[in-house]
Amino acid sequence: MNAELVESWTTPLPRECLRCYLARVLHDHGCDHSLRWTTRWRASCAPSVAAVLRHARCDCALLAAGGASRGGTPAPCAGVTRLGSTRPCRRWPP
């Protein structure tokens, strides 16, 4: 597969929340039992927030802890209200 294409598919979208990002990339690329997608999202969207990496052992566990399952095609993200926010968009229950 073309590396540039994979790069563009796995880049967080503008204002995409962490949960929507994880739902999207895990649906397409799966979990390797690390925090590689969370780390990528953090580097792009919230580089000053270190705590997000301490909440789970892997990406799919972090997504599940937020009340999400990996089944089905994920809906588009409603977007975060503030850049750099680690809060989920309004699609996710509080």
C-alpha atoms as a PDB file:
ATOM      1  CA  MET A   1       0.000   0.000   0.000  1.00  0.00           C
ATOM      2  CA  ASN A   2       1.174   3.518  -0.776  1.00  0.00           C
ATOM      3  CA  ALA A   3       2.797   5.034   2.341  1.00  0.00           C
ATOM      4  CA  GLU A   4       1.630   8.561   1.473  1.00  0.00           C
ATOM      5  CA  LEU A   5      -1.954   7.364   1.159  1.00  0.00           C
ATOM      6  CA  VAL A   6      -1.840   5.587   4.521  1.00  0.00           C
ATOM      7  CA  GLU A   7      -0.304   8.732   6.024  1.00  0.00           C
ATOM      8  CA  SER A   8      -3.178  10.874   4.764  1.00  0.00           C
ATOM      9  CA  TRP A   9      -5.812   8.367   5.979  1.00  0.00           C
ATOM     10  CA  THR A  10      -4.337   8.210   9.475  1.00  0.00           C
ATOM     11  CA  THR A  11      -3.774  11.935   9.986  1.00  0.00           C
ATOM     12  CA  PRO A  12      -6.267  13.450  12.438  1.00  0.00           C
ATOM     13  CA  LEU A  13      -8.853  15.627  10.711  1.00  0.00           C
ATOM     14  CA  PRO A  14      -9.243  19.290  11.706  1.00  0.00           C
ATOM     15  CA  ARG A  15     -11.043  19.489  15.084  1.00  0.00           C
ATOM     16  CA  GLU A  16     -11.500  15.685  15.198  1.00  0.00           C
ATOM     17  CA  CYS A  17     -11.843  14.499  18.786  1.00  0.00           C
ATOM     18  CA  LEU A  18      -9.712  11.653  20.097  1.00  0.00           C
ATOM     19  CA  ARG A  19     -12.623   9.189  20.351  1.00  0.00           C
ATOM     20  CA  CYS A  20     -13.781   9.804  16.779  1.00  0.00           C
ATOM     21  CA  TYR A  21     -10.197   9.570  15.534  1.00  0.00           C
ATOM     22  CA  LEU A  22      -9.661   6.266  17.345  1.00  0.00           C
ATOM     23  CA  ALA A  23     -12.987   4.878  16.089  1.00  0.00           C
ATOM     24  CA  ARG A  24     -12.009   5.796  12.516  1.00  0.00           C
ATOM     25  CA  VAL A  25      -8.427   4.506  12.456  1.00  0.00           C
ATOM     26  CA  LEU A  26      -9.130   1.392  14.512  1.00  0.00           C
ATOM     27  CA  HIS A  27     -11.983   0.533  12.133  1.00  0.00           C
ATOM     28  CA  ASP A  28      -9.595   0.794   9.172  1.00  0.00           C
ATOM     29  CA  HIS A  29      -6.257  -0.314  10.640  1.00  0.00           C
ATOM     30  CA  GLY A  30      -6.946  -2.171  13.875  1.00  0.00           C
ATOM     31  CA  CYS A  31      -5.168  -2.089  17.214  1.00  0.00           C
ATOM     32  CA  ASP A  32      -1.624  -3.344  17.695  1.00  0.00           C
ATOM     33  CA  HIS A  33      -2.069  -3.240  21.502  1.00  0.00           C
ATOM     34  CA  SER A  34      -0.103  -0.020  21.879  1.00  0.00           C
ATOM     35  CA  LEU A  35      -1.022   3.653  22.065  1.00  0.00           C
ATOM     36  CA  ARG A  36       0.295   4.444  18.577  1.00  0.00           C
ATOM     37  CA  TRP A  37      -2.901   6.130  17.332  1.00  0.00           C
ATOM     38  CA  THR A  38      -3.463   8.024  20.582  1.00  0.00           C
ATOM     39  CA  THR A  39       0.149   9.181  20.465  1.00  0.00           C
ATOM     40  CA  ARG A  40      -0.284  10.310  16.865  1.00  0.00           C
ATOM     41  CA  TRP A  41      -3.490  12.222  17.676  1.00  0.00           C
ATOM     42  CA  ARG A  42      -1.866  13.858  20.701  1.00  0.00           C
ATOM     43  CA  ALA A  43       1.191  14.959  18.705  1.00  0.00           C
ATOM     44  CA  SER A  44      -1.042  16.558  16.096  1.00  0.00           C
ATOM     45  CA  CYS A  45      -3.957  17.899  18.141  1.00  0.00           C
ATOM     46  CA  ALA A  46      -2.948  18.318  21.800  1.00  0.00           C
ATOM     47  CA  PRO A  47       0.852  18.184  22.147  1.00  0.00           C
ATOM     48  CA  SER A  48       0.886  19.813  25.580  1.00  0.00           C
ATOM     49  CA  VAL A  49      -1.452  17.229  27.139  1.00  0.00           C
ATOM     50  CA  ALA A  50       0.521  14.303  28.539  1.00  0.00           C
ATOM     51  CA  ALA A  51      -2.255  12.811  30.681  1.00  0.00           C
ATOM     52  CA  VAL A  52      -4.107  11.349  27.698  1.00  0.00           C
ATOM     53  CA  LEU A  53      -1.397   8.681  27.378  1.00  0.00           C
ATOM     54  CA  ARG A  54      -1.835   7.499  30.968  1.00  0.00           C
ATOM     55  CA  HIS A  55      -5.453   6.378  30.780  1.00  0.00           C
ATOM     56  CA  ALA A  56      -5.191   3.023  28.997  1.00  0.00           C
ATOM     57  CA  ARG A  57      -2.802   0.322  27.902  1.00  0.00           C
ATOM     58  CA  CYS A  58      -3.760   0.506  24.213  1.00  0.00           C
ATOM     59  CA  ASP A  59      -5.892   2.427  21.720  1.00  0.00           C
ATOM     60  CA  CYS A  60      -8.847   0.023  21.683  1.00  0.00           C
ATOM     61  CA  ALA A  61      -8.964  -0.046  25.503  1.00  0.00           C
ATOM     62  CA  LEU A  62      -8.986   3.753  25.587  1.00  0.00           C
ATOM     63  CA  LEU A  63     -11.833   3.846  23.067  1.00  0.00           C
ATOM     64  CA  ALA A  64     -13.804   1.194  24.994  1.00  0.00           C
ATOM     65  CA  ALA A  65     -13.290   3.110  28.253  1.00  0.00           C
ATOM     66  CA  GLY A  66     -15.017   6.045  26.574  1.00  0.00           C
ATOM     67  CA  GLY A  67     -18.099   3.921  25.958  1.00  0.00           C
ATOM     68  CA  ALA A  68     -17.434   3.051  22.330  1.00  0.00           C
ATOM     69  CA  SER A  69     -17.340  -0.192  20.486  1.00  0.00           C
ATOM     70  CA  ARG A  70     -15.316  -0.761  17.339  1.00  0.00           C
ATOM     71  CA  GLY A  71     -18.186  -2.251  15.368  1.00  0.00           C
ATOM     72  CA  GLY A  72     -19.610  -0.626  12.252  1.00  0.00           C
ATOM     73  CA  THR A  73     -18.492   2.326  10.218  1.00  0.00           C
ATOM     74  CA  PRO A  74     -17.863   5.318  12.480  1.00  0.00           C
ATOM     75  CA  ALA A  75     -19.950   8.449  11.964  1.00  0.00           C
ATOM     76  CA  PRO A  76     -18.173  11.719  11.178  1.00  0.00           C
ATOM     77  CA  CYS A  77     -16.880  13.681  14.146  1.00  0.00           C
ATOM     78  CA  ALA A  78     -18.970  16.621  15.363  1.00  0.00           C
ATOM     79  CA  GLY A  79     -15.707  18.428  16.168  1.00  0.00           C
ATOM     80  CA  VAL A  80     -14.214  19.817  19.347  1.00  0.00           C
ATOM     81  CA  THR A  81     -15.137  23.337  20.328  1.00  0.00           C
ATOM     82  CA  ARG A  82     -11.584  24.353  21.255  1.00  0.00           C
ATOM     83  CA  LEU A  83      -8.372  23.349  19.502  1.00  0.00           C
ATOM     84  CA  GLY A  84      -6.152  21.297  21.797  1.00  0.00           C
ATOM     85  CA  SER A  85      -9.107  19.930  23.757  1.00  0.00           C
ATOM     86  CA  THR A  86      -9.037  16.288  24.809  1.00  0.00           C
ATOM     87  CA  ARG A  87     -12.787  16.281  25.481  1.00  0.00           C
ATOM     88  CA  PRO A  88     -14.898  14.203  23.114  1.00  0.00           C
ATOM     89  CA  CYS A  89     -17.282  15.817  20.653  1.00  0.00           C
ATOM     90  CA  ARG A  90     -21.018  15.854  21.344  1.00  0.00           C
ATOM     91  CA  ARG A  91     -21.473  12.475  19.608  1.00  0.00           C
ATOM     92  CA  TRP A  92     -20.167  10.715  22.712  1.00  0.00           C
ATOM     93  CA  PRO A  93     -22.173  10.364  25.939  1.00  0.00           C
ATOM     94  CA  PRO A  94     -20.812  12.240  28.970  1.00  0.00           C
END
